[in-house]
C-alpha atoms as a PDB file:
ATOM      1  CA  MET A   1     -51.232 -44.505 -33.789  1.00  0.00           C
ATOM      2  CA  ARG A   2     -50.269 -46.663 -31.121  1.00  0.00           C
ATOM      3  CA  LEU A   3     -48.461 -44.042 -29.302  1.00  0.00           C
ATOM      4  CA  ILE A   4     -52.015 -41.989 -29.185  1.00  0.00           C
ATOM      5  CA  PHE A   5     -54.647 -44.570 -29.416  1.00  0.00           C
ATOM      6  CA  GLY A   6     -55.939 -47.688 -27.480  1.00  0.00           C
ATOM      7  CA  PRO A   7     -55.378 -48.556 -23.768  1.00  0.00           C
ATOM      8  CA  TYR A   8     -52.392 -48.012 -21.855  1.00  0.00           C
ATOM      9  CA  ARG A   9     -50.115 -51.130 -20.884  1.00  0.00           C
ATOM     10  CA  GLN A  10     -46.901 -50.948 -18.746  1.00  0.00           C
ATOM     11  CA  ALA A  11     -44.535 -52.686 -21.864  1.00  0.00           C
ATOM     12  CA  HIS A  12     -45.803 -49.119 -23.583  1.00  0.00           C
ATOM     13  CA  ALA A  13     -43.255 -47.109 -21.376  1.00  0.00           C
ATOM     14  CA  ILE A  14     -41.074 -45.154 -23.772  1.00  0.00           C
ATOM     15  CA  GLU A  15     -37.593 -43.909 -23.928  1.00  0.00           C
ATOM     16  CA  TRP A  16     -37.516 -40.268 -25.657  1.00  0.00           C
ATOM     17  CA  HIS A  17     -35.345 -39.336 -27.647  1.00  0.00           C
ATOM     18  CA  GLU A  18     -33.511 -35.734 -25.724  1.00  0.00           C
ATOM     19  CA  SER A  19     -35.146 -33.440 -28.578  1.00  0.00           C
ATOM     20  CA  ILE A  20     -38.373 -35.083 -28.304  1.00  0.00           C
ATOM     21  CA  ALA A  21     -38.467 -34.854 -24.470  1.00  0.00           C
ATOM     22  CA  SER A  22     -37.052 -31.174 -24.523  1.00  0.00           C
ATOM     23  CA  ALA A  23     -40.007 -30.205 -26.771  1.00  0.00           C
ATOM     24  CA  LEU A  24     -42.707 -31.929 -24.635  1.00  0.00           C
ATOM     25  CA  HIS A  25     -41.276 -30.307 -21.704  1.00  0.00           C
ATOM     26  CA  ALA A  26     -41.899 -27.196 -23.571  1.00  0.00           C
ATOM     27  CA  LEU A  27     -45.818 -27.777 -23.763  1.00  0.00           C
ATOM     28  CA  PRO A  28     -47.039 -25.840 -20.510  1.00  0.00           C
ATOM     29  CA  ILE A  29     -44.973 -22.667 -21.296  1.00  0.00           C
ATOM     30  CA  ILE A  30     -46.151 -23.014 -25.051  1.00  0.00           C
ATOM     31  CA  TYR A  31     -49.323 -23.584 -24.262  1.00  0.00           C
ATOM     32  CA  ALA A  32     -49.613 -20.383 -22.084  1.00  0.00           C
ATOM     33  CA  GLY A  33     -48.487 -18.200 -24.063  1.00  0.00           C
ATOM     34  CA  VAL A  34     -51.136 -19.451 -26.926  1.00  0.00           C
ATOM     35  CA  LEU A  35     -53.917 -19.500 -24.570  1.00  0.00           C
ATOM     36  CA  LEU A  36     -52.814 -16.075 -23.133  1.00  0.00           C
ATOM     37  CA  SER A  37     -52.861 -14.977 -26.814  1.00  0.00           C
ATOM     38  CA  GLY A  38     -55.655 -16.230 -28.206  1.00  0.00           C
ATOM     39  CA  LEU A  39     -58.061 -14.775 -25.085  1.00  0.00           C
ATOM     40  CA  VAL A  40     -56.411 -11.381 -26.308  1.00  0.00           C
ATOM     41  CA  LEU A  41     -57.457 -11.675 -29.860  1.00  0.00           C
ATOM     42  CA  GLY A  42     -60.632 -13.509 -28.771  1.00  0.00           C
ATOM     43  CA  GLY A  43     -61.895 -10.312 -26.960  1.00  0.00           C
ATOM     44  CA  VAL A  44     -60.401  -8.153 -30.087  1.00  0.00           C
ATOM     45  CA  SER A  45     -62.854  -9.600 -32.590  1.00  0.00           C
ATOM     46  CA  LEU A  46     -65.752  -9.307 -29.670  1.00  0.00           C
ATOM     47  CA  PHE A  47     -65.199  -5.835 -30.061  1.00  0.00           C
ATOM     48  CA  ASP A  48     -67.552  -5.881 -33.355  1.00  0.00           C
ATOM     49  CA  ALA A  49     -69.739  -8.367 -32.127  1.00  0.00           C
ATOM     50  CA  ALA A  50     -72.255  -7.270 -29.181  1.00  0.00           C
ATOM     51  CA  ASP A  51     -74.738  -7.622 -31.164  1.00  0.00           C
ATOM     52  CA  LEU A  52     -74.570 -11.510 -30.464  1.00  0.00           C
ATOM     53  CA  SER A  53     -77.753 -13.593 -30.169  1.00  0.00           C
ATOM     54  CA  ALA A  54     -78.621 -15.797 -27.367  1.00  0.00           C
ATOM     55  CA  VAL A  55     -77.151 -19.249 -29.626  1.00  0.00           C
ATOM     56  CA  GLU A  56     -74.259 -17.485 -30.322  1.00  0.00           C
ATOM     57  CA  LEU A  57     -73.620 -16.378 -27.097  1.00  0.00           C
ATOM     58  CA  VAL A  58     -74.143 -19.921 -25.740  1.00  0.00           C
ATOM     59  CA  GLY A  59     -71.904 -21.547 -28.048  1.00  0.00           C
ATOM     60  CA  LEU A  60     -68.901 -18.946 -27.327  1.00  0.00           C
ATOM     61  CA  GLY A  61     -69.403 -19.223 -23.400  1.00  0.00           C
ATOM     62  CA  LEU A  62     -69.632 -23.549 -24.441  1.00  0.00           C
ATOM     63  CA  SER A  63     -66.444 -23.081 -26.217  1.00  0.00           C
ATOM     64  CA  LEU A  64     -64.545 -20.710 -23.983  1.00  0.00           C
ATOM     65  CA  TRP A  65     -65.250 -23.108 -20.767  1.00  0.00           C
ATOM     66  CA  ILE A  66     -63.857 -26.390 -22.576  1.00  0.00           C
ATOM     67  CA  THR A  67     -60.927 -24.245 -23.680  1.00  0.00           C
ATOM     68  CA  ILE A  68     -60.163 -22.651 -20.114  1.00  0.00           C
ATOM     69  CA  LEU A  69     -61.740 -26.467 -18.504  1.00  0.00           C
ATOM     70  CA  PHE A  70     -58.644 -27.959 -20.458  1.00  0.00           C
ATOM     71  CA  ALA A  71     -56.333 -25.479 -19.667  1.00  0.00           C
ATOM     72  CA  LEU A  72     -56.219 -26.134 -16.317  1.00  0.00           C
ATOM     73  CA  CYS A  73     -54.022 -29.612 -17.541  1.00  0.00           C
ATOM     74  CA  PRO A  74     -51.090 -27.402 -18.754  1.00  0.00           C
ATOM     75  CA  ALA A  75     -51.684 -25.387 -15.483  1.00  0.00           C
ATOM     76  CA  HIS A  76     -51.379 -28.264 -12.875  1.00  0.00           C
ATOM     77  CA  GLU A  77     -48.466 -29.672 -15.100  1.00  0.00           C
ATOM     78  CA  ALA A  78     -46.555 -26.229 -14.556  1.00  0.00           C
ATOM     79  CA  ILE A  79     -47.461 -25.928 -10.977  1.00  0.00           C
ATOM     80  CA  HIS A  80     -45.101 -29.085 -10.618  1.00  0.00           C
ATOM     81  CA  ARG A  81     -42.221 -27.876 -12.476  1.00  0.00           C
ATOM     82  CA  ARG A  82     -39.069 -26.726 -10.540  1.00  0.00           C
ATOM     83  CA  THR A  83     -38.171 -23.471 -12.372  1.00  0.00           C
ATOM     84  CA  ARG A  84     -40.025 -19.744 -11.334  1.00  0.00           C
ATOM     85  CA  LEU A  85     -40.298 -19.330 -14.742  1.00  0.00           C
ATOM     86  CA  GLU A  86     -42.603 -22.557 -15.486  1.00  0.00           C
ATOM     87  CA  ARG A  87     -44.475 -22.107 -11.978  1.00  0.00           C
ATOM     88  CA  PHE A  88     -45.176 -18.491 -13.201  1.00  0.00           C
ATOM     89  CA  ALA A  89     -46.436 -19.806 -16.264  1.00  0.00           C
ATOM     90  CA  GLY A  90     -48.702 -22.302 -14.312  1.00  0.00           C
ATOM     91  CA  ALA A  91     -50.398 -19.215 -12.572  1.00  0.00           C
ATOM     92  CA  LEU A  92     -51.020 -17.423 -16.028  1.00  0.00           C
ATOM     93  CA  VAL A  93     -52.999 -19.984 -17.219  1.00  0.00           C
ATOM     94  CA  ALA A  94     -54.708 -21.055 -13.824  1.00  0.00           C
ATOM     95  CA  GLY A  95     -56.058 -17.574 -13.436  1.00  0.00           C
ATOM     96  CA  ALA A  96     -56.806 -17.346 -17.080  1.00  0.00           C
ATOM     97  CA  ALA A  97     -58.851 -20.325 -16.709  1.00  0.00           C
ATOM     98  CA  GLY A  98     -60.727 -18.632 -13.910  1.00  0.00           C
ATOM     99  CA  TYR A  99     -59.486 -20.533 -11.125  1.00  0.00           C
ATOM    100  CA  PRO A 100     -56.602 -19.219  -9.519  1.00  0.00           C
ATOM    101  CA  ALA A 101     -56.841 -20.981  -6.462  1.00  0.00           C
ATOM    102  CA  LEU A 102     -55.482 -23.848  -8.168  1.00  0.00           C
ATOM    103  CA  VAL A 103     -51.862 -22.642  -7.215  1.00  0.00           C
ATOM    104  CA  LEU A 104     -52.567 -22.953  -3.631  1.00  0.00           C
ATOM    105  CA  GLU A 105     -55.115 -25.930  -3.291  1.00  0.00           C
ATOM    106  CA  HIS A 106     -53.431 -28.052  -5.404  1.00  0.00           C
ATOM    107  CA  PRO A 107     -49.504 -28.089  -3.792  1.00  0.00           C
ATOM    108  CA  LEU A 108     -51.648 -28.516  -0.558  1.00  0.00           C
ATOM    109  CA  HIS A 109     -53.155 -31.633  -2.095  1.00  0.00           C
ATOM    110  CA  HIS A 110     -50.418 -33.447  -2.291  1.00  0.00           C
ATOM    111  CA  THR A 111     -49.472 -32.676   1.060  1.00  0.00           C
ATOM    112  CA  ARG A 112     -52.994 -33.257   3.056  1.00  0.00           C
ATOM    113  CA  HIS A 113     -52.576 -37.380   1.957  1.00  0.00           C
ATOM    114  CA  ALA A 114     -55.747 -38.945   2.431  1.00  0.00           C
ATOM    115  CA  ASP A 115     -57.394 -36.116   4.346  1.00  0.00           C
ATOM    116  CA  TRP A 116     -61.154 -36.717   4.039  1.00  0.00           C
ATOM    117  CA  ALA A 117     -61.892 -34.698   7.248  1.00  0.00           C
ATOM    118  CA  ASN A 118     -60.963 -31.690   5.206  1.00  0.00           C
ATOM    119  CA  ALA A 119     -62.698 -32.387   2.239  1.00  0.00           C
ATOM    120  CA  GLU A 120     -58.927 -33.257   0.474  1.00  0.00           C
ATOM    121  CA  TRP A 121     -60.144 -36.844  -0.252  1.00  0.00           C
ATOM    122  CA  PRO A 122     -64.191 -37.863  -0.913  1.00  0.00           C
ATOM    123  CA  LYS A 123     -65.393 -40.323   1.661  1.00  0.00           C
ATOM    124  CA  ALA A 124     -66.818 -43.415  -0.127  1.00  0.00           C
ATOM    125  CA  ALA A 125     -70.811 -42.447   0.998  1.00  0.00           C
ATOM    126  CA  GLU A 126     -70.582 -38.842   0.121  1.00  0.00           C
ATOM    127  CA  SER A 127     -72.012 -37.253  -3.330  1.00  0.00           C
ATOM    128  CA  VAL A 128     -69.987 -35.229  -5.294  1.00  0.00           C
ATOM    129  CA  TRP A 129     -72.568 -32.181  -4.543  1.00  0.00           C
ATOM    130  CA  GLN A 130     -71.653 -32.537  -0.679  1.00  0.00           C
ATOM    131  CA  PHE A 131     -67.860 -33.281  -1.242  1.00  0.00           C
ATOM    132  CA  SER A 132     -67.595 -29.988  -3.681  1.00  0.00           C
ATOM    133  CA  ALA A 133     -69.477 -28.021  -1.423  1.00  0.00           C
ATOM    134  CA  ARG A 134     -67.335 -29.147   1.698  1.00  0.00           C
ATOM    135  CA  ARG A 135     -63.761 -28.469  -0.453  1.00  0.00           C
ATOM    136  CA  LEU A 136     -64.801 -25.117  -2.113  1.00  0.00           C
ATOM    137  CA  THR A 137     -65.778 -23.837   1.451  1.00  0.00           C
ATOM    138  CA  ARG A 138     -62.460 -24.975   2.985  1.00  0.00           C
ATOM    139  CA  ILE A 139     -60.565 -23.721  -0.437  1.00  0.00           C
ATOM    140  CA  ALA A 140     -62.677 -20.399  -0.620  1.00  0.00           C
ATOM    141  CA  ARG A 141     -61.177 -19.810   3.130  1.00  0.00           C
ATOM    142  CA  GLU A 142     -57.482 -20.622   2.487  1.00  0.00           C
ATOM    143  CA  PHE A 143     -57.345 -18.753  -0.706  1.00  0.00           C
ATOM    144  CA  SER A 144     -58.462 -15.519   0.936  1.00  0.00           C
ATOM    145  CA  HIS A 145     -56.195 -15.891   3.759  1.00  0.00           C
ATOM    146  CA  GLU A 146     -53.331 -16.745   1.740  1.00  0.00           C
ATOM    147  CA  LEU A 147     -54.015 -13.418  -0.855  1.00  0.00           C
ATOM    148  CA  ALA A 148     -54.684 -11.113   2.241  1.00  0.00           C
ATOM    149  CA  SER A 149     -51.400 -12.241   4.180  1.00  0.00           C
ATOM    150  CA  ALA A 150     -49.488 -11.797   0.270  1.00  0.00           C
ATOM    151  CA  THR A 151     -51.294  -8.166   0.686  1.00  0.00           C
ATOM    152  CA  SER A 152     -49.879  -7.429   3.555  1.00  0.00           C
ATOM    153  CA  LEU A 153     -46.689  -9.158   2.592  1.00  0.00           C
ATOM    154  CA  ARG A 154     -46.874 -11.098   5.544  1.00  0.00           C
ATOM    155  CA  HIS A 155     -46.213 -14.215   3.222  1.00  0.00           C
ATOM    156  CA  SER A 156     -43.517 -13.340   0.552  1.00  0.00           C
ATOM    157  CA  GLY A 157     -42.828 -17.023  -0.721  1.00  0.00           C
ATOM    158  CA  GLN A 158     -43.142 -18.897  -4.169  1.00  0.00           C
ATOM    159  CA  VAL A 159     -47.157 -19.899  -3.680  1.00  0.00           C
ATOM    160  CA  ALA A 160     -47.910 -16.442  -1.983  1.00  0.00           C
ATOM    161  CA  GLN A 161     -46.476 -14.852  -5.681  1.00  0.00           C
ATOM    162  CA  SER A 162     -47.900 -17.255  -7.627  1.00  0.00           C
ATOM    163  CA  THR A 163     -51.514 -16.279  -5.314  1.00  0.00           C
ATOM    164  CA  TRP A 164     -51.287 -12.624  -6.220  1.00  0.00           C
ATOM    165  CA  VAL A 165     -50.051 -13.448 -10.223  1.00  0.00           C
ATOM    166  CA  ALA A 166     -53.420 -15.730 -10.779  1.00  0.00           C
ATOM    167  CA  THR A 167     -55.739 -13.372  -9.023  1.00  0.00           C
ATOM    168  CA  LEU A 168     -54.460 -10.922 -10.637  1.00  0.00           C
ATOM    169  CA  THR A 169     -54.227 -12.501 -13.980  1.00  0.00           C
ATOM    170  CA  THR A 170     -58.477 -13.875 -13.348  1.00  0.00           C
ATOM    171  CA  LEU A 171     -58.949  -9.776 -12.780  1.00  0.00           C
ATOM    172  CA  VAL A 172     -57.234  -9.073 -16.052  1.00  0.00           C
ATOM    173  CA  THR A 173     -58.996 -11.313 -18.412  1.00  0.00           C
ATOM    174  CA  GLY A 174     -62.598 -10.756 -16.759  1.00  0.00           C
ATOM    175  CA  THR A 175     -61.930  -7.329 -17.446  1.00  0.00           C
ATOM    176  CA  TRP A 176     -60.878  -7.572 -20.969  1.00  0.00           C
ATOM    177  CA  LEU A 177     -63.950  -9.677 -21.614  1.00  0.00           C
ATOM    178  CA  THR A 178     -66.415  -6.966 -19.785  1.00  0.00           C
ATOM    179  CA  SER A 179     -64.717  -4.559 -22.002  1.00  0.00           C
ATOM    180  CA  SER A 180     -65.540  -6.709 -25.364  1.00  0.00           C
ATOM    181  CA  LEU A 181     -68.889  -7.592 -24.396  1.00  0.00           C
ATOM    182  CA  GLY A 182     -70.329  -5.716 -21.498  1.00  0.00           C
ATOM    183  CA  ALA A 183     -72.191  -7.260 -18.904  1.00  0.00           C
ATOM    184  CA  LYS A 184     -72.512 -10.058 -21.602  1.00  0.00           C
ATOM    185  CA  GLY A 185     -69.016 -10.510 -21.406  1.00  0.00           C
ATOM    186  CA  PHE A 186     -68.753 -10.594 -17.750  1.00  0.00           C
ATOM    187  CA  PHE A 187     -71.711 -13.095 -16.974  1.00  0.00           C
ATOM    188  CA  LEU A 188     -70.016 -15.556 -19.570  1.00  0.00           C
ATOM    189  CA  TYR A 189     -66.436 -15.346 -17.953  1.00  0.00           C
ATOM    190  CA  LEU A 190     -68.229 -15.782 -14.666  1.00  0.00           C
ATOM    191  CA  GLY A 191     -70.062 -18.447 -15.936  1.00  0.00           C
ATOM    192  CA  CYS A 192     -66.760 -20.718 -17.511  1.00  0.00           C
ATOM    193  CA  ALA A 193     -65.016 -19.440 -14.453  1.00  0.00           C
ATOM    194  CA  ALA A 194     -67.648 -21.333 -12.051  1.00  0.00           C
ATOM    195  CA  GLY A 195     -67.358 -24.494 -14.804  1.00  0.00           C
ATOM    196  CA  CYS A 196     -63.957 -24.723 -14.046  1.00  0.00           C
ATOM    197  CA  THR A 197     -64.100 -24.720 -10.850  1.00  0.00           C
ATOM    198  CA  LEU A 198     -66.481 -27.314 -10.612  1.00  0.00           C
ATOM    199  CA  GLY A 199     -65.190 -29.052 -13.132  1.00  0.00           C
ATOM    200  CA  MET A 200     -61.604 -29.223 -10.691  1.00  0.00           C
ATOM    201  CA  GLN A 201     -63.950 -30.380  -7.310  1.00  0.00           C
ATOM    202  CA  LEU A 202     -65.414 -33.467 -10.196  1.00  0.00           C
ATOM    203  CA  MET A 203     -61.837 -34.432 -10.911  1.00  0.00           C
ATOM    204  CA  THR A 204     -60.163 -34.461  -7.736  1.00  0.00           C
ATOM    205  CA  TYR A 205     -63.741 -36.712  -6.719  1.00  0.00           C
ATOM    206  CA  LEU A 206     -63.168 -38.935  -9.537  1.00  0.00           C
ATOM    207  CA  GLN A 207     -59.283 -39.852  -8.706  1.00  0.00           C
ATOM    208  CA  HIS A 208     -59.563 -40.319  -4.926  1.00  0.00           C
ATOM    209  CA  TRP A 209     -63.631 -41.224  -4.061  1.00  0.00           C
ATOM    210  CA  GLY A 210     -64.237 -44.096  -1.365  1.00  0.00           C
ATOM    211  CA  LEU A 211     -59.797 -44.686  -1.444  1.00  0.00           C
ATOM    212  CA  ALA A 212     -59.417 -42.845   2.240  1.00  0.00           C
ATOM    213  CA  ASP A 213     -62.128 -44.843   4.326  1.00  0.00           C
ATOM    214  CA  GLY A 214     -64.464 -48.107   2.577  1.00  0.00           C
ATOM    215  CA  PRO A 215     -63.490 -50.765   1.471  1.00  0.00           C
ATOM    216  CA  ALA A 216     -60.007 -49.378   0.490  1.00  0.00           C
ATOM    217  CA  GLY A 217     -59.505 -47.686   3.878  1.00  0.00           C
ATOM    218  CA  SER A 218     -56.528 -49.796   4.820  1.00  0.00           C
ATOM    219  CA  HIS A 219     -54.790 -48.075   1.614  1.00  0.00           C
ATOM    220  CA  ALA A 220     -55.321 -44.887   3.579  1.00  0.00           C
ATOM    221  CA  SER A 221     -51.382 -44.274   4.494  1.00  0.00           C
ATOM    222  CA  THR A 222     -50.438 -45.139   0.700  1.00  0.00           C
ATOM    223  CA  HIS A 223     -50.827 -42.653  -2.335  1.00  0.00           C
ATOM    224  CA  ILE A 224     -53.551 -44.292  -4.083  1.00  0.00           C
ATOM    225  CA  ALA A 225     -56.085 -43.320  -6.566  1.00  0.00           C
ATOM    226  CA  TRP A 226     -58.344 -44.011  -9.517  1.00  0.00           C
ATOM    227  CA  GLU A 227     -56.279 -44.547 -12.963  1.00  0.00           C
ATOM    228  CA  GLU A 228     -57.809 -44.738 -16.176  1.00  0.00           C
ATOM    229  CA  ASP A 229     -56.124 -46.727 -18.933  1.00  0.00           C
ATOM    230  CA  CYS A 230     -56.903 -44.563 -22.029  1.00  0.00           C
ATOM    231  CA  ARG A 231     -53.616 -43.265 -23.691  1.00  0.00           C
ATOM    232  CA  PHE A 232     -55.483 -40.386 -26.041  1.00  0.00           C
ATOM    233  CA  GLN A 233     -57.240 -39.425 -22.396  1.00  0.00           C
ATOM    234  CA  ALA A 234     -53.813 -39.461 -21.083  1.00  0.00           C
ATOM    235  CA  TRP A 235     -52.247 -37.282 -23.643  1.00  0.00           C
ATOM    236  CA  VAL A 236     -55.412 -34.676 -24.048  1.00  0.00           C
ATOM    237  CA  THR A 237     -54.966 -34.086 -20.141  1.00  0.00           C
ATOM    238  CA  LEU A 238     -51.122 -34.592 -19.975  1.00  0.00           C
ATOM    239  CA  HIS A 239     -51.759 -37.742 -18.036  1.00  0.00           C
ATOM    240  CA  ILE A 240     -53.351 -36.142 -15.295  1.00  0.00           C
ATOM    241  CA  SER A 241     -55.119 -39.876 -15.534  1.00  0.00           C
ATOM    242  CA  PHE A 242     -52.346 -41.760 -14.563  1.00  0.00           C
ATOM    243  CA  HIS A 243     -53.004 -39.852 -10.792  1.00  0.00           C
ATOM    244  CA  GLN A 244     -51.536 -42.529  -8.700  1.00  0.00           C
ATOM    245  CA  ALA A 245     -48.202 -42.526 -10.586  1.00  0.00           C
ATOM    246  CA  HIS A 246     -48.386 -38.695 -10.109  1.00  0.00           C
ATOM    247  CA  HIS A 247     -49.101 -38.735  -7.003  1.00  0.00           C
ATOM    248  CA  LEU A 248     -46.568 -41.313  -6.339  1.00  0.00           C
ATOM    249  CA  ASN A 249     -43.794 -38.983  -7.838  1.00  0.00           C
ATOM    250  CA  ALA A 250     -45.750 -34.902  -8.339  1.00  0.00           C
ATOM    251  CA  GLY A 251     -42.198 -33.962  -9.969  1.00  0.00           C
ATOM    252  CA  LEU A 252     -41.637 -36.603 -12.531  1.00  0.00           C
ATOM    253  CA  PRO A 253     -43.252 -34.112 -16.364  1.00  0.00           C
ATOM    254  CA  PHE A 254     -46.106 -35.936 -17.535  1.00  0.00           C
ATOM    255  CA  TYR A 255     -44.360 -37.716 -20.581  1.00  0.00           C
ATOM    256  CA  ARG A 256     -42.212 -39.711 -18.272  1.00  0.00           C
ATOM    257  CA  LEU A 257     -45.496 -40.678 -16.360  1.00  0.00           C
ATOM    258  CA  GLY A 258     -46.722 -44.744 -16.636  1.00  0.00           C
ATOM    259  CA  MET A 259     -49.751 -46.076 -14.776  1.00  0.00           C
ATOM    260  CA  SER A 260     -49.598 -47.856 -11.480  1.00  0.00           C
ATOM    261  CA  ASP A 261     -48.957 -51.342 -11.372  1.00  0.00           C
ATOM    262  CA  SER A 262     -52.171 -51.903  -8.761  1.00  0.00           C
ATOM    263  CA  SER A 263     -54.162 -48.920  -9.031  1.00  0.00           C
ATOM    264  CA  PRO A 264     -57.414 -49.006  -9.134  1.00  0.00           C
ATOM    265  CA  ARG A 265     -59.245 -48.468 -12.755  1.00  0.00           C
ATOM    266  CA  MET A 266     -62.005 -46.175 -13.836  1.00  0.00           C
ATOM    267  CA  PRO A 267     -64.374 -48.396 -15.727  1.00  0.00           C
ATOM    268  CA  ALA A 268     -64.918 -45.290 -18.455  1.00  0.00           C
ATOM    269  CA  GLY A 269     -62.958 -41.934 -19.461  1.00  0.00           C
ATOM    270  CA  TYR A 270     -62.999 -38.824 -17.490  1.00  0.00           C
ATOM    271  CA  ILE A 271     -65.678 -36.944 -19.511  1.00  0.00           C
ATOM    272  CA  LEU A 272     -68.355 -39.834 -18.749  1.00  0.00           C
ATOM    273  CA  MET A 273     -66.988 -40.315 -15.444  1.00  0.00           C
ATOM    274  CA  MET A 274     -67.866 -36.965 -14.638  1.00  0.00           C
ATOM    275  CA  PHE A 275     -71.083 -36.872 -15.946  1.00  0.00           C
ATOM    276  CA  PHE A 276     -71.652 -40.081 -14.371  1.00  0.00           C
ATOM    277  CA  SER A 277     -70.651 -38.772 -10.707  1.00  0.00           C
ATOM    278  CA  MET A 278     -73.764 -36.148 -10.780  1.00  0.00           C
ATOM    279  CA  PHE A 279     -76.207 -38.766 -10.121  1.00  0.00           C
ATOM    280  CA  PRO A 280     -75.037 -39.731  -6.286  1.00  0.00           C
ATOM    281  CA  ARG A 281     -77.175 -42.868  -6.480  1.00  0.00           C
ATOM    282  CA  LEU A 282     -76.212 -44.087  -9.689  1.00  0.00           C
ATOM    283  CA  TRP A 283     -72.575 -43.846  -8.506  1.00  0.00           C
ATOM    284  CA  GLN A 284     -72.841 -45.751  -5.153  1.00  0.00           C
ATOM    285  CA  ARG A 285     -74.711 -48.431  -7.320  1.00  0.00           C
ATOM    286  CA  HIS A 286     -72.146 -48.990  -9.913  1.00  0.00           C
ATOM    287  CA  MET A 287     -69.207 -48.154  -7.880  1.00  0.00           C
ATOM    288  CA  VAL A 288     -69.029 -49.206  -3.992  1.00  0.00           C
ATOM    289  CA  PRO A 289     -68.924 -53.032  -5.867  1.00  0.00           C
ATOM    290  CA  LEU A 290     -66.124 -51.963  -7.904  1.00  0.00           C
ATOM    291  CA  LEU A 291     -64.294 -50.574  -4.923  1.00  0.00           C
ATOM    292  CA  THR A 292     -64.656 -53.557  -3.192  1.00  0.00           C
ATOM    293  CA  PHE A 293     -63.976 -56.061  -6.071  1.00  0.00           C
ATOM    294  CA  TRP A 294     -60.448 -53.747  -6.264  1.00  0.00           C
ATOM    295  CA  SER A 295     -59.791 -54.262  -3.088  1.00  0.00           C
ATOM    296  CA  SER A 296     -59.708 -57.817  -3.192  1.00  0.00           C
ATOM    297  CA  GLN A 297     -57.892 -58.343  -6.559  1.00  0.00           C
ATOM    298  CA  GLU A 298     -55.736 -55.289  -6.375  1.00  0.00           C
ATOM    299  CA  SER A 299     -52.807 -57.338  -7.834  1.00  0.00           C
ATOM    300  CA  ALA A 300     -53.932 -57.757 -11.085  1.00  0.00           C
ATOM    301  CA  PRO A 301     -56.621 -54.407 -12.045  1.00  0.00           C
ATOM    302  CA  ILE A 302     -58.761 -54.831 -14.725  1.00  0.00           C
ATOM    303  CA  GLY A 303     -58.984 -51.135 -17.004  1.00  0.00           C
ATOM    304  CA  ALA A 304     -61.650 -49.896 -19.464  1.00  0.00           C
ATOM    305  CA  GLY A 305     -59.140 -51.514 -22.525  1.00  0.00           C
ATOM    306  CA  HIS A 306     -59.804 -48.639 -25.174  1.00  0.00           C
ATOM    307  CA  ALA A 307     -59.438 -50.046 -28.811  1.00  0.00           C
ATOM    308  CA  LEU A 308     -59.480 -46.544 -29.690  1.00  0.00           C
ATOM    309  CA  THR A 309     -61.835 -43.707 -27.833  1.00  0.00           C
ATOM    310  CA  CYS A 310     -62.044 -43.141 -24.122  1.00  0.00           C
ATOM    311  CA  PHE A 311     -66.348 -43.624 -24.345  1.00  0.00           C
ATOM    312  CA  HIS A 312     -65.251 -47.557 -23.611  1.00  0.00           C
ATOM    313  CA  ILE A 313     -66.864 -49.211 -20.357  1.00  0.00           C
ATOM    314  CA  TYR A 314     -66.808 -52.443 -18.531  1.00  0.00           C
ATOM    315  CA  ARG A 315     -69.338 -53.529 -16.377  1.00  0.00           C
ATOM    316  CA  LEU A 316     -68.268 -55.610 -12.933  1.00  0.00           C
ATOM    317  CA  HIS A 317     -70.174 -58.993 -14.220  1.00  0.00           C
ATOM    318  CA  ALA A 318     -67.914 -58.998 -17.276  1.00  0.00           C
ATOM    319  CA  VAL A 319     -64.776 -58.044 -15.685  1.00  0.00           C
ATOM    320  CA  ARG A 320     -65.939 -61.300 -12.763  1.00  0.00           C
ATOM    321  CA  GLN A 321     -66.265 -63.243 -16.089  1.00  0.00           C
ATOM    322  CA  ASN A 322     -62.939 -63.063 -17.508  1.00  0.00           C
ATOM    323  CA  ARG A 323     -61.149 -63.767 -14.546  1.00  0.00           C
END
């Protein structure tokens, strides 16, 4: 149970047996096969379900959205892998999730460190809505340019190939669901894809908010990101929540990542924080003091300290009392 639940500590780093490490390493490839098979079989089952009620459609849409939103985690992992097969699997999953731009924008994200001017990292005073609008505008421009270049054969490298694979997968998935449910299927997939696209911007906001300017601006030259110590969440997201460690070594497989010693720590898990970020005034009221506090106490960061779930929250006054 301790392997999966509770807060992560540096003492929990694991030396995996080779057979277990090999199995964990194959998870993104396995996930790609399972996801694509599920979408095919799901589409087949929907051919006889054209008369779904509004409630059933909402339930189906929410289920599909959650599934493909979490699918971006193995897609993210596979995109960073070294072999062509693994990166191909990442492009397939990103495309099926309705966010083909991941194969382009995420590698660029790692090369544009602390670039708040181009909406790679959010500014401290910026709301998640402002950041998402700026970032999506830039992503749309760069992705359309890359796709046009790949189409005209001006670009033929790995990124161009992944862009094409992901885009075609999105089109095929949308066409498949449309053929299964008609116009309902088209708008269902469109809505889920939009939700995944926004979800990625929210996660980027959480991971780098306020670290390029503001109280932490002096750290902008270093690889820095907010991390979160819930081990269950780390397993579910393939350790995306250990984000500073990921930026320090993007090619390291998820099962070998641990938390950084001095990273800023989120006060709660991703689900709560994504919801919380949608309310800018509440976010600023709670997070600005935490950012300032971490900047003065970075040698001994405090995490939420989850006992079992990822829904525990720490407050700044409680942290100060425990010092």
